[in-house]
Amino acid sequence: MEYLSFDIALILFAVAVAAGFVDSIAGGGGLLSVPALLWAGMPPALALGTNKLQASFGSFTSSYNFWRRGLVQPRRMWGSIACTFVGAVLGTLWVQRIDPGFLAALIPVLLIGFSVYFLFSPRISDTGAHSRIGEPAFALSIGTSVGFYDGFFGPGTGSFFALAYVALLGYNLLRATAHTKVLNFTSNIASLITFIIGGNVVWAVGLLMAGGQFLGAWTGSHLAARHGAKLIRPLLVVVSLSISVKLLLEG
């Protein structure tokens, strides 16, 4: 409870609102919430576990809103959901054994490349295109690998999923974002379970921030569904570049 003085609790709640809003549209909410938890005095393992708790509420809220609007049908995503879950559990377990520092040099380069793709590719729009691979292949390749990445490292997961849905399955950007949120929720839950087993969650803080995540994600997902690619595309670019800058500065 030392993390929950009134001033700190208010700041963490406000950060969670902003993180939920950004994450529901373009991903990258962890760029705000994890540093805030570290600033509040949490050790890294507790900060990461608590972040997964509050982020799970935000990704669930976004997924639910997109489902209500008919933009995603989770029953048709069980292959991708299962592969993402398994990948995220394995990634969360491996991050406790292997130094993830080598990814810090690679991920910014990939995200900058993705930003260029998001800006200039004609496939990034409100209009769908032809798929290049089947759903089972997508589940095994993208679901497992990006799920593993989210459990192992995390920054840019939403960008990776969104790009894969657009480039490989031909989804328009709004539909890709909706499906991305379902898989984000899956990887969050998988990592959260692993952190809970390890005793690395501060429940009082996580549940407080979950309320902020709910408000931010509810608002952001409604705006994304209403405005489509003209809102999602620039936010994806900004978030991807922000993650790149953060990782490069830390490196």
Protein backbone atom coordinates (compact mmCIF):
# COMPACT_ATOMS: atom_id res chain seq x y z
CA MET A 1 0.00 0.00 0.00
CA GLU A 2 3.01 2.34 0.16
CA TYR A 3 2.50 2.85 -3.58
CA LEU A 4 -0.97 4.30 -2.97
CA SER A 5 -0.60 7.69 -1.31
CA PHE A 6 -3.35 9.97 -2.59
CA ASP A 7 -1.08 11.97 -4.90
CA ILE A 8 0.58 8.89 -6.41
CA ALA A 9 -2.75 7.10 -6.80
CA LEU A 10 -4.20 10.09 -8.66
CA ILE A 11 -1.22 10.28 -11.01
CA LEU A 12 -1.27 6.54 -11.72
CA PHE A 13 -5.00 6.65 -12.45
CA ALA A 14 -4.53 9.56 -14.89
CA VAL A 15 -1.64 7.77 -16.59
CA ALA A 16 -3.79 4.66 -16.96
CA VAL A 17 -6.54 6.69 -18.66
CA ALA A 18 -4.04 8.06 -21.18
CA ALA A 19 -2.41 4.64 -21.68
CA GLY A 20 -5.78 2.96 -22.23
CA PHE A 21 -6.78 5.59 -24.78
CA VAL A 22 -3.57 5.34 -26.82
CA ASP A 23 -3.34 1.56 -26.54
CA SER A 24 -6.92 1.02 -27.76
CA ILE A 25 -6.12 2.82 -31.02
CA ALA A 26 -2.46 2.19 -31.79
CA GLY A 27 -0.91 0.17 -28.97
CA GLY A 28 2.06 1.40 -26.94
CA GLY A 29 0.21 2.17 -23.71
CA GLY A 30 3.00 0.48 -21.79
CA LEU A 31 5.27 3.38 -22.76
CA LEU A 32 3.25 5.43 -20.28
CA SER A 33 2.19 2.94 -17.62
CA VAL A 34 5.43 1.02 -16.99
CA PRO A 35 7.59 4.15 -16.40
CA ALA A 36 4.84 5.51 -14.12
CA LEU A 37 4.89 2.33 -12.02
CA LEU A 38 8.69 2.42 -11.82
CA TRP A 39 8.51 6.08 -10.82
CA ALA A 40 6.09 5.15 -8.03
CA GLY A 41 8.86 3.00 -6.57
CA MET A 42 8.03 -0.51 -7.75
CA PRO A 43 10.82 -2.97 -8.55
CA PRO A 44 10.87 -3.91 -12.26
CA ALA A 45 9.28 -7.36 -11.86
CA LEU A 46 6.38 -5.95 -9.83
CA ALA A 47 5.97 -3.07 -12.28
CA LEU A 48 5.76 -5.42 -15.26
CA GLY A 49 3.31 -7.78 -13.55
CA THR A 50 1.10 -4.95 -12.27
CA ASN A 51 1.17 -3.37 -15.71
CA LYS A 52 -0.15 -6.59 -17.27
CA LEU A 53 -3.03 -6.58 -14.77
CA GLN A 54 -4.21 -3.07 -15.61
CA ALA A 55 -3.49 -3.47 -19.33
CA SER A 56 -5.69 -6.59 -19.45
CA PHE A 57 -8.69 -4.46 -18.49
CA GLY A 58 -7.94 -1.95 -21.23
CA SER A 59 -7.45 -4.52 -23.98
CA PHE A 60 -10.60 -6.37 -22.90
CA THR A 61 -12.63 -3.14 -23.01
CA SER A 62 -11.37 -2.32 -26.50
CA SER A 63 -12.01 -5.87 -27.70
CA TYR A 64 -15.54 -5.78 -26.32
CA ASN A 65 -16.33 -2.46 -28.03
CA PHE A 66 -15.01 -3.65 -31.37
CA TRP A 67 -16.98 -6.92 -30.98
CA ARG A 68 -20.20 -5.01 -30.26
CA ARG A 69 -19.71 -3.04 -33.46
CA GLY A 70 -19.29 -6.24 -35.49
CA LEU A 71 -15.64 -5.57 -36.34
CA VAL A 72 -14.29 -8.81 -34.85
CA GLN A 73 -15.63 -12.31 -34.19
CA PRO A 74 -13.47 -13.99 -31.53
CA ARG A 75 -15.04 -17.40 -32.23
CA ARG A 76 -13.32 -17.39 -35.61
CA MET A 77 -9.97 -16.48 -34.04
CA TRP A 78 -9.44 -19.47 -31.75
CA GLY A 79 -6.35 -20.64 -33.64
CA SER A 80 -4.65 -17.26 -33.36
CA ILE A 81 -5.82 -16.84 -29.76
CA ALA A 82 -4.43 -20.25 -28.73
CA CYS A 83 -1.09 -19.70 -30.46
CA THR A 84 -0.76 -16.19 -29.02
CA PHE A 85 -1.51 -17.47 -25.52
CA VAL A 86 1.11 -20.21 -25.72
CA GLY A 87 3.67 -17.84 -27.24
CA ALA A 88 3.12 -15.21 -24.53
CA VAL A 89 3.49 -17.76 -21.70
CA LEU A 90 6.75 -19.03 -23.20
CA GLY A 91 8.02 -15.49 -23.70
CA THR A 92 7.22 -14.49 -20.11
CA LEU A 93 9.03 -17.56 -18.82
CA TRP A 94 12.07 -17.00 -21.03
CA VAL A 95 12.47 -13.33 -20.13
CA GLN A 96 13.38 -14.46 -16.63
CA ARG A 97 16.33 -16.46 -18.02
CA ILE A 98 17.66 -14.51 -20.99
CA ASP A 99 18.77 -10.89 -21.22
CA PRO A 100 16.32 -9.14 -23.60
CA GLY A 101 18.80 -6.33 -24.20
CA PHE A 102 19.78 -7.55 -27.67
CA LEU A 103 16.24 -6.80 -28.89
CA ALA A 104 16.62 -3.14 -27.94
CA ALA A 105 18.93 -2.63 -30.93
CA LEU A 106 16.75 -4.51 -33.43
CA ILE A 107 13.22 -3.40 -32.58
CA PRO A 108 13.69 0.37 -33.29
CA VAL A 109 14.90 -0.43 -36.80
CA LEU A 110 11.87 -2.65 -37.44
CA LEU A 111 9.43 -0.09 -36.03
CA ILE A 112 10.89 2.74 -38.10
CA GLY A 113 10.44 0.54 -41.16
CA PHE A 114 6.87 -0.19 -40.10
CA SER A 115 6.23 3.55 -39.72
CA VAL A 116 7.28 4.12 -43.32
CA TYR A 117 4.98 1.28 -44.38
CA PHE A 118 2.07 2.72 -42.38
CA LEU A 119 2.62 6.12 -44.00
CA PHE A 120 2.97 5.12 -47.64
CA SER A 121 1.52 1.68 -48.30
CA PRO A 122 -1.76 1.75 -50.26
CA ARG A 123 -2.87 -1.31 -48.23
CA ILE A 124 -3.09 0.87 -45.09
CA SER A 125 -6.61 2.24 -45.53
CA ASP A 126 -10.27 1.61 -44.79
CA THR A 127 -10.43 -0.73 -47.79
CA GLY A 128 -9.49 -4.40 -47.52
CA ALA A 129 -7.19 -6.31 -49.87
CA HIS A 130 -6.52 -9.93 -50.82
CA SER A 131 -4.95 -12.18 -48.19
CA ARG A 132 -1.52 -13.67 -48.84
CA ILE A 133 -1.64 -16.56 -46.35
CA GLY A 134 -4.38 -18.61 -44.70
CA GLU A 135 -5.68 -18.22 -41.15
CA PRO A 136 -3.94 -21.37 -39.81
CA ALA A 137 -0.57 -20.22 -41.16
CA PHE A 138 -1.17 -16.78 -39.71
CA ALA A 139 -2.00 -18.25 -36.29
CA LEU A 140 1.10 -20.43 -36.17
CA SER A 141 3.54 -17.85 -37.50
CA ILE A 142 2.28 -14.47 -36.28
CA GLY A 143 0.22 -15.51 -33.26
CA THR A 144 2.99 -17.61 -31.73
CA SER A 145 5.91 -15.32 -32.57
CA VAL A 146 4.32 -11.98 -31.67
CA GLY A 147 2.74 -13.52 -28.57
CA PHE A 148 6.19 -14.73 -27.53
CA TYR A 149 7.61 -11.28 -28.23
CA ASP A 150 4.94 -9.60 -26.09
CA GLY A 151 5.69 -11.88 -23.16
CA PHE A 152 9.44 -11.56 -23.64
CA PHE A 153 9.89 -7.87 -24.45
CA GLY A 154 6.66 -6.11 -25.42
CA PRO A 155 7.13 -2.63 -26.97
CA GLY A 156 5.45 -2.40 -30.38
CA THR A 157 3.33 -5.55 -30.08
CA GLY A 158 0.23 -3.74 -31.36
CA SER A 159 2.16 -2.42 -34.36
CA PHE A 160 3.42 -5.92 -35.22
CA PHE A 161 -0.04 -7.47 -35.04
CA ALA A 162 -1.68 -4.63 -37.01
CA LEU A 163 0.95 -4.76 -39.75
CA ALA A 164 0.60 -8.54 -40.04
CA TYR A 165 -3.18 -8.37 -40.36
CA VAL A 166 -2.93 -5.72 -43.07
CA ALA A 167 0.02 -7.09 -45.02
CA LEU A 168 -0.72 -10.84 -44.75
CA LEU A 169 -4.49 -11.16 -44.37
CA GLY A 170 -5.48 -8.05 -46.31
CA TYR A 171 -7.59 -6.51 -43.53
CA ASN A 172 -8.41 -2.81 -43.62
CA LEU A 173 -6.77 -0.83 -40.80
CA LEU A 174 -9.86 -0.61 -38.59
CA ARG A 175 -10.55 -4.34 -38.78
CA ALA A 176 -6.86 -5.07 -38.21
CA THR A 177 -6.91 -2.89 -35.09
CA ALA A 178 -9.99 -4.68 -33.76
CA HIS A 179 -8.38 -8.11 -34.19
CA THR A 180 -5.11 -6.81 -32.76
CA LYS A 181 -6.88 -5.88 -29.52
CA VAL A 182 -8.23 -9.41 -29.09
CA LEU A 183 -4.74 -10.88 -29.44
CA ASN A 184 -3.30 -8.15 -27.19
CA PHE A 185 -5.83 -9.17 -24.54
CA THR A 186 -4.82 -12.79 -25.00
CA SER A 187 -1.10 -12.12 -24.56
CA ASN A 188 -1.79 -9.81 -21.59
CA ILE A 189 -3.80 -12.50 -19.81
CA ALA A 190 -1.20 -15.18 -20.53
CA SER A 191 1.62 -13.01 -19.16
CA LEU A 192 -0.52 -11.92 -16.21
CA ILE A 193 -1.17 -15.52 -15.15
CA THR A 194 2.56 -16.21 -15.27
CA PHE A 195 3.34 -13.10 -13.20
CA ILE A 196 0.63 -14.00 -10.67
CA ILE A 197 2.13 -17.46 -10.20
CA GLY A 198 5.48 -15.75 -9.57
CA GLY A 199 3.91 -13.35 -7.04
CA ASN A 200 4.78 -10.28 -9.09
CA VAL A 201 1.50 -8.32 -9.04
CA VAL A 202 0.50 -5.46 -6.72
CA TRP A 203 -3.27 -5.92 -6.81
CA ALA A 204 -4.36 -2.65 -5.21
CA VAL A 205 -2.38 -0.56 -7.69
CA GLY A 206 -3.28 -2.73 -10.67
CA LEU A 207 -7.01 -2.58 -9.95
CA LEU A 208 -6.89 1.17 -9.37
CA MET A 209 -5.23 1.68 -12.74
CA ALA A 210 -7.65 -0.80 -14.33
CA GLY A 211 -10.41 1.75 -13.76
CA GLY A 212 -8.40 4.34 -15.68
CA GLN A 213 -7.67 1.82 -18.43
CA PHE A 214 -11.38 1.12 -18.77
CA LEU A 215 -12.22 4.81 -19.26
CA GLY A 216 -9.38 5.43 -21.71
CA ALA A 217 -9.93 2.26 -23.74
CA TRP A 218 -13.69 2.78 -23.94
CA THR A 219 -13.22 6.29 -25.34
CA GLY A 220 -10.35 5.39 -27.67
CA SER A 221 -11.98 2.32 -29.20
CA HIS A 222 -15.19 4.25 -29.89
CA LEU A 223 -13.20 6.98 -31.66
CA ALA A 224 -11.21 4.39 -33.64
CA ALA A 225 -14.40 2.66 -34.78
CA ARG A 226 -15.90 6.00 -35.81
CA HIS A 227 -12.93 7.54 -37.65
CA GLY A 228 -11.08 4.48 -38.98
CA ALA A 229 -7.74 4.78 -40.77
CA LYS A 230 -7.59 8.58 -40.69
CA LEU A 231 -7.22 8.37 -36.89
CA ILE A 232 -5.44 5.02 -36.53
CA ARG A 233 -2.74 5.50 -39.20
CA PRO A 234 -1.11 8.67 -37.74
CA LEU A 235 -1.30 7.31 -34.18
CA LEU A 236 0.36 4.05 -35.27
CA VAL A 237 3.18 6.05 -36.84
CA VAL A 238 3.60 8.29 -33.78
CA VAL A 239 3.55 5.37 -31.34
CA SER A 240 5.97 3.28 -33.42
CA LEU A 241 8.42 6.18 -33.70
CA SER A 242 8.05 7.00 -29.98
CA ILE A 243 8.89 3.43 -29.01
CA SER A 244 11.90 3.54 -31.36
CA VAL A 245 13.21 6.79 -29.85
CA LYS A 246 12.71 5.49 -26.31
CA LEU A 247 14.60 2.26 -26.98
CA LEU A 248 17.40 4.04 -28.82
CA LEU A 249 17.85 6.54 -25.96
CA GLU A 250 17.86 3.76 -23.40
CA GLY A 251 20.40 1.86 -25.48
